[in-house]
PDB file of N, CA and C in Angstrom:
ATOM      1  N   UNK A   1       0.842  -1.184   0.000  1.00  0.00           N
ATOM      2  CA  UNK A   1       0.000   0.000   0.000  1.00  0.00           C
ATOM      3  C   UNK A   1       0.887   1.246   0.000  1.00  0.00           C
ATOM      4  N   UNK A   2       0.538   2.168  -0.870  1.00  0.00           N
ATOM      5  CA  UNK A   2       1.264   3.432  -0.912  1.00  0.00           C
ATOM      6  C   UNK A   2       0.859   4.293   0.282  1.00  0.00           C
ATOM      7  N   UNK A   3       1.839   4.975   0.863  1.00  0.00           N
ATOM      8  CA  UNK A   3       1.567   5.860   1.989  1.00  0.00           C
ATOM      9  C   UNK A   3       2.325   7.165   1.818  1.00  0.00           C
ATOM     10  N   UNK A   4       1.797   8.208   2.468  1.00  0.00           N
ATOM     11  CA  UNK A   4       2.417   9.521   2.432  1.00  0.00           C
ATOM     12  C   UNK A   4       2.180  10.177   3.783  1.00  0.00           C
ATOM     13  N   UNK A   5       3.128  10.981   4.233  1.00  0.00           N
ATOM     14  CA  UNK A   5       2.931  11.716   5.484  1.00  0.00           C
ATOM     15  C   UNK A   5       2.185  13.010   5.193  1.00  0.00           C
ATOM     16  N   UNK A   6       1.542  13.580   6.204  1.00  0.00           N
ATOM     17  CA  UNK A   6       0.893  14.879   5.990  1.00  0.00           C
ATOM     18  C   UNK A   6       1.855  15.948   5.482  1.00  0.00           C
ATOM     19  N   UNK A   7       3.082  15.979   5.991  1.00  0.00           N
ATOM     20  CA  UNK A   7       4.045  16.981   5.522  1.00  0.00           C
ATOM     21  C   UNK A   7       4.348  16.806   4.040  1.00  0.00           C
ATOM     22  N   UNK A   8       4.535  15.560   3.610  1.00  0.00           N
ATOM     23  CA  UNK A   8       4.791  15.301   2.188  1.00  0.00           C
ATOM     24  C   UNK A   8       3.581  15.692   1.346  1.00  0.00           C
ATOM     25  N   UNK A   9       2.391  15.349   1.821  1.00  0.00           N
ATOM     26  CA  UNK A   9       1.164  15.674   1.096  1.00  0.00           C
ATOM     27  C   UNK A   9       0.976  17.177   0.963  1.00  0.00           C
ATOM     28  N   UNK A  10       1.301  17.912   1.991  1.00  0.00           N
ATOM     29  CA  UNK A  10       1.103  19.367   1.963  1.00  0.00           C
ATOM     30  C   UNK A  10       1.965  20.059   0.913  1.00  0.00           C
ATOM     31  N   UNK A  11       3.019  19.401   0.459  1.00  0.00           N
ATOM     32  CA  UNK A  11       3.925  19.989  -0.542  1.00  0.00           C
ATOM     33  C   UNK A  11       3.463  19.749  -1.978  1.00  0.00           C
ATOM     34  N   UNK A  12       2.454  18.883  -2.162  1.00  0.00           N
ATOM     35  CA  UNK A  12       1.943  18.615  -3.507  1.00  0.00           C
ATOM     36  C   UNK A  12       1.067  19.778  -3.960  1.00  0.00           C
ATOM     37  N   UNK A  13       1.216  20.188  -5.202  1.00  0.00           N
ATOM     38  CA  UNK A  13       0.459  21.334  -5.712  1.00  0.00           C
ATOM     39  C   UNK A  13      -1.022  21.036  -5.900  1.00  0.00           C
ATOM     40  N   UNK A  14      -1.332  19.938  -6.529  1.00  0.00           N
ATOM     41  CA  UNK A  14      -2.721  19.549  -6.788  1.00  0.00           C
ATOM     42  C   UNK A  14      -2.925  18.156  -6.222  1.00  0.00           C
ATOM     43  N   UNK A  15      -3.638  18.063  -5.119  1.00  0.00           N
ATOM     44  CA  UNK A  15      -3.876  16.757  -4.510  1.00  0.00           C
ATOM     45  C   UNK A  15      -5.362  16.603  -4.207  1.00  0.00           C
ATOM     46  N   UNK A  16      -5.915  15.472  -4.607  1.00  0.00           N
ATOM     47  CA  UNK A  16      -7.299  15.147  -4.275  1.00  0.00           C
ATOM     48  C   UNK A  16      -7.266  14.401  -2.940  1.00  0.00           C
ATOM     49  N   UNK A  17      -7.728  15.080  -1.894  1.00  0.00           N
ATOM     50  CA  UNK A  17      -7.746  14.494  -0.555  1.00  0.00           C
ATOM     51  C   UNK A  17      -9.176  14.078  -0.228  1.00  0.00           C
ATOM     52  N   UNK A  18      -9.328  12.828   0.174  1.00  0.00           N
ATOM     53  CA  UNK A  18     -10.631  12.315   0.572  1.00  0.00           C
ATOM     54  C   UNK A  18     -10.582  12.009   2.061  1.00  0.00           C
ATOM     55  N   UNK A  19     -11.449  12.672   2.799  1.00  0.00           N
ATOM     56  CA  UNK A  19     -11.534  12.508   4.245  1.00  0.00           C
ATOM     57  C   UNK A  19     -12.665  11.527   4.537  1.00  0.00           C
ATOM     58  N   UNK A  20     -12.328  10.371   5.113  1.00  0.00           N
ATOM     59  CA  UNK A  20     -13.339   9.331   5.338  1.00  0.00           C
ATOM     60  C   UNK A  20     -13.876   9.330   6.775  1.00  0.00           C
ATOM     61  N   UNK A  21     -13.595  10.382   7.526  1.00  0.00           N
ATOM     62  CA  UNK A  21     -14.144  10.481   8.881  1.00  0.00           C
ATOM     63  C   UNK A  21     -15.630  10.824   8.827  1.00  0.00           C
ATOM     64  N   UNK A  22     -16.297  10.655   9.944  1.00  0.00           N
ATOM     65  CA  UNK A  22     -17.720  10.968  10.033  1.00  0.00           C
ATOM     66  C   UNK A  22     -17.915  12.479  10.173  1.00  0.00           C
ATOM     67  N   UNK A  23     -19.128  12.934   9.908  1.00  0.00           N
ATOM     68  CA  UNK A  23     -19.442  14.365   9.877  1.00  0.00           C
ATOM     69  C   UNK A  23     -19.086  15.073  11.177  1.00  0.00           C
ATOM     70  N   UNK A  24     -19.340  14.448  12.323  1.00  0.00           N
ATOM     71  CA  UNK A  24     -19.036  15.104  13.593  1.00  0.00           C
ATOM     72  C   UNK A  24     -17.536  15.310  13.772  1.00  0.00           C
ATOM     73  N   UNK A  25     -16.717  14.410  13.242  1.00  0.00           N
ATOM     74  CA  UNK A  25     -15.266  14.559  13.318  1.00  0.00           C
ATOM     75  C   UNK A  25     -14.788  15.669  12.394  1.00  0.00           C
ATOM     76  N   UNK A  26     -15.343  15.713  11.190  1.00  0.00           N
ATOM     77  CA  UNK A  26     -14.960  16.725  10.209  1.00  0.00           C
ATOM     78  C   UNK A  26     -15.353  18.115  10.707  1.00  0.00           C
ATOM     79  N   UNK A  27     -16.452  18.208  11.455  1.00  0.00           N
ATOM     80  CA  UNK A  27     -16.905  19.504  11.982  1.00  0.00           C
ATOM     81  C   UNK A  27     -15.893  20.094  12.966  1.00  0.00           C
ATOM     82  N   UNK A  28     -15.128  19.251  13.633  1.00  0.00           N
ATOM     83  CA  UNK A  28     -14.138  19.722  14.598  1.00  0.00           C
ATOM     84  C   UNK A  28     -12.929  20.320  13.886  1.00  0.00           C
ATOM     85  N   UNK A  29     -12.423  19.623  12.882  1.00  0.00           N
ATOM     86  CA  UNK A  29     -11.251  20.089  12.134  1.00  0.00           C
ATOM     87  C   UNK A  29     -11.158  19.320  10.825  1.00  0.00           C
ATOM     88  N   UNK A  30     -10.798  20.026   9.763  1.00  0.00           N
ATOM     89  CA  UNK A  30     -10.638  19.370   8.466  1.00  0.00           C
ATOM     90  C   UNK A  30      -9.540  20.057   7.664  1.00  0.00           C
ATOM     91  N   UNK A  31      -9.048  19.347   6.668  1.00  0.00           N
ATOM     92  CA  UNK A  31      -8.041  19.891   5.766  1.00  0.00           C
ATOM     93  C   UNK A  31      -8.763  20.736   4.711  1.00  0.00           C
ATOM     94  N   UNK A  32      -8.345  21.977   4.522  1.00  0.00           N
ATOM     95  CA  UNK A  32      -8.994  22.821   3.508  1.00  0.00           C
ATOM     96  C   UNK A  32      -8.996  22.146   2.140  1.00  0.00           C
ATOM     97  N   UNK A  33     -10.168  22.096   1.516  1.00  0.00           N
ATOM     98  CA  UNK A  33     -10.304  21.538   0.181  1.00  0.00           C
ATOM     99  C   UNK A  33     -10.520  20.040   0.113  1.00  0.00           C
ATOM    100  N   UNK A  34     -10.440  19.350   1.258  1.00  0.00           N
ATOM    101  CA  UNK A  34     -10.636  17.898   1.244  1.00  0.00           C
ATOM    102  C   UNK A  34     -12.101  17.571   0.957  1.00  0.00           C
ATOM    103  N   UNK A  35     -12.309  16.458   0.254  1.00  0.00           N
ATOM    104  CA  UNK A  35     -13.662  15.975  -0.016  1.00  0.00           C
ATOM    105  C   UNK A  35     -14.070  15.044   1.108  1.00  0.00           C
ATOM    106  N   UNK A  36     -15.253  15.254   1.655  1.00  0.00           N
ATOM    107  CA  UNK A  36     -15.723  14.432   2.760  1.00  0.00           C
ATOM    108  C   UNK A  36     -16.611  13.311   2.230  1.00  0.00           C
ATOM    109  N   UNK A  37     -16.119  12.084   2.321  1.00  0.00           N
ATOM    110  CA  UNK A  37     -16.875  10.891   1.944  1.00  0.00           C
ATOM    111  C   UNK A  37     -16.751   9.908   3.102  1.00  0.00           C
ATOM    112  N   UNK A  38     -17.680   9.957   4.069  1.00  0.00           N
ATOM    113  CA  UNK A  38     -17.548   9.127   5.276  1.00  0.00           C
ATOM    114  C   UNK A  38     -17.426   7.639   4.964  1.00  0.00           C
ATOM    115  N   UNK A  39     -16.591   6.971   5.738  1.00  0.00           N
ATOM    116  CA  UNK A  39     -16.390   5.538   5.540  1.00  0.00           C
ATOM    117  C   UNK A  39     -17.712   4.784   5.663  1.00  0.00           C
ATOM    118  N   UNK A  40     -18.599   5.224   6.551  1.00  0.00           N
ATOM    119  CA  UNK A  40     -19.856   4.510   6.784  1.00  0.00           C
ATOM    120  C   UNK A  40     -20.767   4.492   5.552  1.00  0.00           C
ATOM    121  N   UNK A  41     -20.585   5.446   4.643  1.00  0.00           N
ATOM    122  CA  UNK A  41     -21.404   5.495   3.419  1.00  0.00           C
ATOM    123  C   UNK A  41     -20.529   5.555   2.168  1.00  0.00           C
ATOM    124  N   UNK A  42     -19.263   5.148   2.315  1.00  0.00           N
ATOM    125  CA  UNK A  42     -18.293   5.308   1.228  1.00  0.00           C
ATOM    126  C   UNK A  42     -18.738   4.644  -0.070  1.00  0.00           C
ATOM    127  N   UNK A  43     -19.241   3.423   0.020  1.00  0.00           N
ATOM    128  CA  UNK A  43     -19.624   2.709  -1.205  1.00  0.00           C
ATOM    129  C   UNK A  43     -20.761   3.412  -1.940  1.00  0.00           C
ATOM    130  N   UNK A  44     -21.604   4.131  -1.214  1.00  0.00           N
ATOM    131  CA  UNK A  44     -22.688   4.891  -1.845  1.00  0.00           C
ATOM    132  C   UNK A  44     -22.151   6.075  -2.656  1.00  0.00           C
ATOM    133  N   UNK A  45     -20.915   6.479  -2.388  1.00  0.00           N
ATOM    134  CA  UNK A  45     -20.322   7.652  -3.033  1.00  0.00           C
ATOM    135  C   UNK A  45     -19.077   7.309  -3.853  1.00  0.00           C
ATOM    136  N   UNK A  46     -18.888   6.035  -4.141  1.00  0.00           N
ATOM    137  CA  UNK A  46     -17.700   5.607  -4.877  1.00  0.00           C
ATOM    138  C   UNK A  46     -17.570   6.321  -6.219  1.00  0.00           C
ATOM    139  N   UNK A  47     -18.703   6.654  -6.839  1.00  0.00           N
ATOM    140  CA  UNK A  47     -18.665   7.356  -8.133  1.00  0.00           C
ATOM    141  C   UNK A  47     -18.113   8.764  -8.018  1.00  0.00           C
ATOM    142  N   UNK A  48     -17.941   9.282  -6.797  1.00  0.00           N
ATOM    143  CA  UNK A  48     -17.386  10.618  -6.586  1.00  0.00           C
ATOM    144  C   UNK A  48     -15.859  10.598  -6.461  1.00  0.00           C
ATOM    145  N   UNK A  49     -15.293   9.406  -6.459  1.00  0.00           N
ATOM    146  CA  UNK A  49     -13.836   9.268  -6.363  1.00  0.00           C
ATOM    147  C   UNK A  49     -13.272   9.256  -7.779  1.00  0.00           C
ATOM    148  N   UNK A  50     -12.432  10.232  -8.114  1.00  0.00           N
ATOM    149  CA  UNK A  50     -11.907  10.284  -9.485  1.00  0.00           C
ATOM    150  C   UNK A  50     -10.970   9.123  -9.792  1.00  0.00           C
ATOM    151  N   UNK A  51     -11.204   8.473 -10.915  1.00  0.00           N
ATOM    152  CA  UNK A  51     -10.350   7.358 -11.337  1.00  0.00           C
ATOM    153  C   UNK A  51      -9.088   7.832 -12.037  1.00  0.00           C
ATOM    154  N   UNK A  52      -9.144   9.016 -12.636  1.00  0.00           N
ATOM    155  CA  UNK A  52      -8.028   9.489 -13.462  1.00  0.00           C
ATOM    156  C   UNK A  52      -6.946  10.214 -12.670  1.00  0.00           C
ATOM    157  N   UNK A  53      -7.135  10.358 -11.358  1.00  0.00           N
ATOM    158  CA  UNK A  53      -6.162  11.066 -10.529  1.00  0.00           C
ATOM    159  C   UNK A  53      -5.778  10.215  -9.328  1.00  0.00           C
ATOM    160  N   UNK A  54      -4.603  10.487  -8.782  1.00  0.00           N
ATOM    161  CA  UNK A  54      -4.226   9.871  -7.517  1.00  0.00           C
ATOM    162  C   UNK A  54      -5.079  10.502  -6.426  1.00  0.00           C
ATOM    163  N   UNK A  55      -5.627   9.664  -5.549  1.00  0.00           N
ATOM    164  CA  UNK A  55      -6.404  10.179  -4.423  1.00  0.00           C
ATOM    165  C   UNK A  55      -5.665   9.858  -3.130  1.00  0.00           C
ATOM    166  N   UNK A  56      -5.696  10.803  -2.218  1.00  0.00           N
ATOM    167  CA  UNK A  56      -5.031  10.689  -0.926  1.00  0.00           C
ATOM    168  C   UNK A  56      -6.115  10.554   0.129  1.00  0.00           C
ATOM    169  N   UNK A  57      -6.119   9.425   0.830  1.00  0.00           N
ATOM    170  CA  UNK A  57      -7.203   9.102   1.747  1.00  0.00           C
ATOM    171  C   UNK A  57      -6.754   9.360   3.181  1.00  0.00           C
ATOM    172  N   UNK A  58      -7.586  10.118   3.908  1.00  0.00           N
ATOM    173  CA  UNK A  58      -7.245  10.557   5.252  1.00  0.00           C
ATOM    174  C   UNK A  58      -8.384  10.258   6.223  1.00  0.00           C
ATOM    175  N   UNK A  59      -8.017   9.948   7.459  1.00  0.00           N
ATOM    176  CA  UNK A  59      -9.003   9.819   8.534  1.00  0.00           C
ATOM    177  C   UNK A  59      -8.407  10.502   9.769  1.00  0.00           C
ATOM    178  N   UNK A  60      -8.760  10.043  10.955  1.00  0.00           N
ATOM    179  CA  UNK A  60      -8.252  10.674  12.177  1.00  0.00           C
ATOM    180  C   UNK A  60      -6.771  10.357  12.397  1.00  0.00           C
ATOM    181  N   UNK A  61      -6.412   9.069  12.274  1.00  0.00           N
ATOM    182  CA  UNK A  61      -5.023   8.698  12.561  1.00  0.00           C
ATOM    183  C   UNK A  61      -4.392   7.755  11.540  1.00  0.00           C
ATOM    184  N   UNK A  62      -5.165   7.277  10.577  1.00  0.00           N
ATOM    185  CA  UNK A  62      -4.592   6.439   9.525  1.00  0.00           C
ATOM    186  C   UNK A  62      -5.153   5.032   9.422  1.00  0.00           C
ATOM    187  N   UNK A  63      -5.955   4.600  10.373  1.00  0.00           N
ATOM    188  CA  UNK A  63      -6.497   3.241  10.345  1.00  0.00           C
ATOM    189  C   UNK A  63      -7.624   3.055   9.346  1.00  0.00           C
ATOM    190  N   UNK A  64      -8.658   3.870   9.467  1.00  0.00           N
ATOM    191  CA  UNK A  64      -9.789   3.757   8.536  1.00  0.00           C
ATOM    192  C   UNK A  64      -9.350   4.084   7.115  1.00  0.00           C
ATOM    193  N   UNK A  65      -8.492   5.084   6.987  1.00  0.00           N
ATOM    194  CA  UNK A  65      -8.038   5.459   5.644  1.00  0.00           C
ATOM    195  C   UNK A  65      -7.232   4.335   5.008  1.00  0.00           C
ATOM    196  N   UNK A  66      -6.496   3.572   5.809  1.00  0.00           N
ATOM    197  CA  UNK A  66      -5.744   2.430   5.266  1.00  0.00           C
ATOM    198  C   UNK A  66      -6.700   1.388   4.702  1.00  0.00           C
ATOM    199  N   UNK A  67      -7.806   1.145   5.406  1.00  0.00           N
ATOM    200  CA  UNK A  67      -8.790   0.168   4.906  1.00  0.00           C
ATOM    201  C   UNK A  67      -9.430   0.657   3.605  1.00  0.00           C
ATOM    202  N   UNK A  68      -9.788   1.934   3.557  1.00  0.00           N
ATOM    203  CA  UNK A  68     -10.394   2.482   2.341  1.00  0.00           C
ATOM    204  C   UNK A  68      -9.380   2.495   1.201  1.00  0.00           C
ATOM    205  N   UNK A  69      -8.134   2.860   1.500  1.00  0.00           N
ATOM    206  CA  UNK A  69      -7.086   2.867   0.477  1.00  0.00           C
ATOM    207  C   UNK A  69      -6.909   1.463  -0.102  1.00  0.00           C
ATOM    208  N   UNK A  70      -6.869   0.456   0.749  1.00  0.00           N
ATOM    209  CA  UNK A  70      -6.741  -0.923   0.278  1.00  0.00           C
ATOM    210  C   UNK A  70      -7.892  -1.320  -0.625  1.00  0.00           C
ATOM    211  N   UNK A  71      -9.098  -0.933  -0.247  1.00  0.00           N
ATOM    212  CA  UNK A  71     -10.271  -1.238  -1.073  1.00  0.00           C
ATOM    213  C   UNK A  71     -10.159  -0.544  -2.428  1.00  0.00           C
ATOM    214  N   UNK A  72      -9.807   0.733  -2.416  1.00  0.00           N
ATOM    215  CA  UNK A  72      -9.695   1.479  -3.680  1.00  0.00           C
ATOM    216  C   UNK A  72      -8.635   0.865  -4.587  1.00  0.00           C
ATOM    217  N   UNK A  73      -7.517   0.461  -4.011  1.00  0.00           N
ATOM    218  CA  UNK A  73      -6.469  -0.187  -4.811  1.00  0.00           C
ATOM    219  C   UNK A  73      -7.004  -1.466  -5.457  1.00  0.00           C
ATOM    220  N   UNK A  74      -7.772  -2.249  -4.716  1.00  0.00           N
ATOM    221  CA  UNK A  74      -8.352  -3.480  -5.260  1.00  0.00           C
ATOM    222  C   UNK A  74      -9.305  -3.182  -6.419  1.00  0.00           C
ATOM    223  N   UNK A  75      -9.907  -2.000  -6.405  1.00  0.00           N
ATOM    224  CA  UNK A  75     -10.843  -1.606  -7.456  1.00  0.00           C
ATOM    225  C   UNK A  75     -10.140  -0.899  -8.622  1.00  0.00           C
ATOM    226  N   UNK A  76      -8.815  -0.794  -8.560  1.00  0.00           N
ATOM    227  CA  UNK A  76      -8.061  -0.217  -9.660  1.00  0.00           C
ATOM    228  C   UNK A  76      -7.772   1.275  -9.553  1.00  0.00           C
ATOM    229  N   UNK A  77      -8.062   1.874  -8.406  1.00  0.00           N
ATOM    230  CA  UNK A  77      -7.765   3.297  -8.201  1.00  0.00           C
ATOM    231  C   UNK A  77      -6.312   3.469  -7.788  1.00  0.00           C
ATOM    232  N   UNK A  78      -5.748   4.631  -8.082  1.00  0.00           N
ATOM    233  CA  UNK A  78      -4.429   4.999  -7.591  1.00  0.00           C
ATOM    234  C   UNK A  78      -4.670   5.743  -6.281  1.00  0.00           C
ATOM    235  N   UNK A  79      -4.604   5.010  -5.168  1.00  0.00           N
ATOM    236  CA  UNK A  79      -4.930   5.565  -3.860  1.00  0.00           C
ATOM    237  C   UNK A  79      -3.723   5.491  -2.935  1.00  0.00           C
ATOM    238  N   UNK A  80      -3.585   6.513  -2.089  1.00  0.00           N
ATOM    239  CA  UNK A  80      -2.465   6.615  -1.168  1.00  0.00           C
ATOM    240  C   UNK A  80      -3.016   6.913   0.225  1.00  0.00           C
ATOM    241  N   UNK A  81      -2.571   6.154   1.220  1.00  0.00           N
ATOM    242  CA  UNK A  81      -2.991   6.380   2.598  1.00  0.00           C
ATOM    243  C   UNK A  81      -2.169   7.506   3.223  1.00  0.00           C
ATOM    244  N   UNK A  82      -2.856   8.422   3.911  1.00  0.00           N
ATOM    245  CA  UNK A  82      -2.174   9.502   4.623  1.00  0.00           C
ATOM    246  C   UNK A  82      -1.926   9.016   6.052  1.00  0.00           C
ATOM    247  N   UNK A  83      -0.666   8.686   6.346  1.00  0.00           N
ATOM    248  CA  UNK A  83      -0.319   8.164   7.673  1.00  0.00           C
ATOM    249  C   UNK A  83      -0.467   9.264   8.719  1.00  0.00           C
ATOM    250  N   UNK A  84      -0.990   8.902   9.860  1.00  0.00           N
ATOM    251  CA  UNK A  84      -1.149   9.869  10.941  1.00  0.00           C
ATOM    252  C   UNK A  84      -2.415  10.700  10.853  1.00  0.00           C
ATOM    253  N   UNK A  85      -3.038  10.739   9.677  1.00  0.00           N
ATOM    254  CA  UNK A  85      -4.307  11.423   9.479  1.00  0.00           C
ATOM    255  C   UNK A  85      -4.331  12.881   9.890  1.00  0.00           C
ATOM    256  N   UNK A  86      -5.536  13.352  10.201  1.00  0.00           N
ATOM    257  CA  UNK A  86      -5.728  14.752  10.573  1.00  0.00           C
ATOM    258  C   UNK A  86      -4.991  15.072  11.872  1.00  0.00           C
ATOM    259  N   UNK A  87      -4.808  14.074  12.731  1.00  0.00           N
ATOM    260  CA  UNK A  87      -4.083  14.299  13.989  1.00  0.00           C
ATOM    261  C   UNK A  87      -2.661  14.759  13.712  1.00  0.00           C
ATOM    262  N   UNK A  88      -1.959  14.021  12.845  1.00  0.00           N
ATOM    263  CA  UNK A  88      -0.579  14.398  12.516  1.00  0.00           C
ATOM    264  C   UNK A  88      -0.543  15.674  11.681  1.00  0.00           C
ATOM    265  N   UNK A  89      -1.541  15.839  10.800  1.00  0.00           N
ATOM    266  CA  UNK A  89      -1.630  17.051   9.974  1.00  0.00           C
ATOM    267  C   UNK A  89      -1.665  18.283  10.885  1.00  0.00           C
ATOM    268  N   UNK A  90      -2.572  18.293  11.848  1.00  0.00           N
ATOM    269  CA  UNK A  90      -2.724  19.435  12.757  1.00  0.00           C
ATOM    270  C   UNK A  90      -1.501  19.593  13.660  1.00  0.00           C
ATOM    271  N   UNK A  91      -0.974  18.480  14.169  1.00  0.00           N
ATOM    272  CA  UNK A  91       0.196  18.533  15.045  1.00  0.00           C
ATOM    273  C   UNK A  91       1.422  19.082  14.320  1.00  0.00           C
ATOM    274  N   UNK A  92       1.442  18.931  13.003  1.00  0.00           N
ATOM    275  CA  UNK A  92       2.559  19.441  12.197  1.00  0.00           C
ATOM    276  C   UNK A  92       2.408  20.925  11.888  1.00  0.00           C
ATOM    277  N   UNK A  93       1.309  21.524  12.334  1.00  0.00           N
ATOM    278  CA  UNK A  93       1.098  22.948  12.107  1.00  0.00           C
ATOM    279  C   UNK A  93       0.575  23.274  10.713  1.00  0.00           C
ATOM    280  N   UNK A  94       0.057  22.271  10.014  1.00  0.00           N
ATOM    281  CA  UNK A  94      -0.493  22.494   8.664  1.00  0.00           C
ATOM    282  C   UNK A  94      -1.886  23.108   8.790  1.00  0.00           C
ATOM    283  N   UNK A  95      -2.354  23.807   7.736  1.00  0.00           N
ATOM    284  CA  UNK A  95      -3.642  24.519   7.838  1.00  0.00           C
ATOM    285  C   UNK A  95      -4.824  23.586   8.083  1.00  0.00           C
ATOM    286  N   UNK A  96      -5.676  24.005   8.994  1.00  0.00           N
ATOM    287  CA  UNK A  96      -6.869  23.241   9.369  1.00  0.00           C
ATOM    288  C   UNK A  96      -8.046  24.203   9.417  1.00  0.00           C
ATOM    289  N   UNK A  97      -9.172  23.758   8.870  1.00  0.00           N
ATOM    290  CA  UNK A  97     -10.409  24.518   9.008  1.00  0.00           C
ATOM    291  C   UNK A  97     -11.146  23.993  10.224  1.00  0.00           C
ATOM    292  N   UNK A  98     -11.642  24.910  11.019  1.00  0.00           N
ATOM    293  CA  UNK A  98     -12.404  24.518  12.207  1.00  0.00           C
ATOM    294  C   UNK A  98     -13.794  25.117  12.086  1.00  0.00           C
ATOM    295  N   UNK A  99     -14.787  24.342  12.463  1.00  0.00           N
ATOM    296  CA  UNK A  99     -16.172  24.794  12.371  1.00  0.00           C
ATOM    297  C   UNK A  99     -16.397  25.965  13.319  1.00  0.00           C
ATOM    298  N   UNK A 100     -17.079  26.982  12.823  1.00  0.00           N
ATOM    299  CA  UNK A 100     -17.430  28.121  13.665  1.00  0.00           C
ATOM    300  C   UNK A 100     -18.906  28.071  14.017  1.00  0.00           C
ATOM    301  N   UNK A 101     -19.564  26.991  13.608  1.00  0.00           N
ATOM    302  CA  UNK A 101     -20.984  26.808  13.881  1.00  0.00           C
ATOM    303  C   UNK A 101     -21.167  26.418  15.348  1.00  0.00           C
ATOM    304  N   UNK A 102     -21.897  27.220  16.076  1.00  0.00           N
ATOM    305  CA  UNK A 102     -22.106  26.950  17.497  1.00  0.00           C
ATOM    306  C   UNK A 102     -23.186  25.908  17.725  1.00  0.00           C
ATOM    307  N   UNK A 103     -23.820  25.447  16.703  1.00  0.00           N
ATOM    308  CA  UNK A 103     -24.798  24.409  16.926  1.00  0.00           C
ATOM    309  C   UNK A 103     -25.948  24.617  16.041  1.00  0.00           C
TER     310      UNK A 103
END
């Protein structure tokens, strides 16, 4: 399985990032521009994953994204797991969007 660190990913000019965390997790913090396709409904949205581009799959720490990356690879996608997920992304000081919605 191909893997990339958040720091390496942040240096790519054009990267399709797919965040497979659930909505409540994404509301806390997310990577700007990432596409949110929750793992719980991922197969319902498989047609939203571009086949012609490398996709970088992210979750909270890298476990769920590894499972989704493995599945995508089996389906013929060029998918890369983001090790450490949003946790490592934020800890590295990379840009994060945080929800300002109070409820």
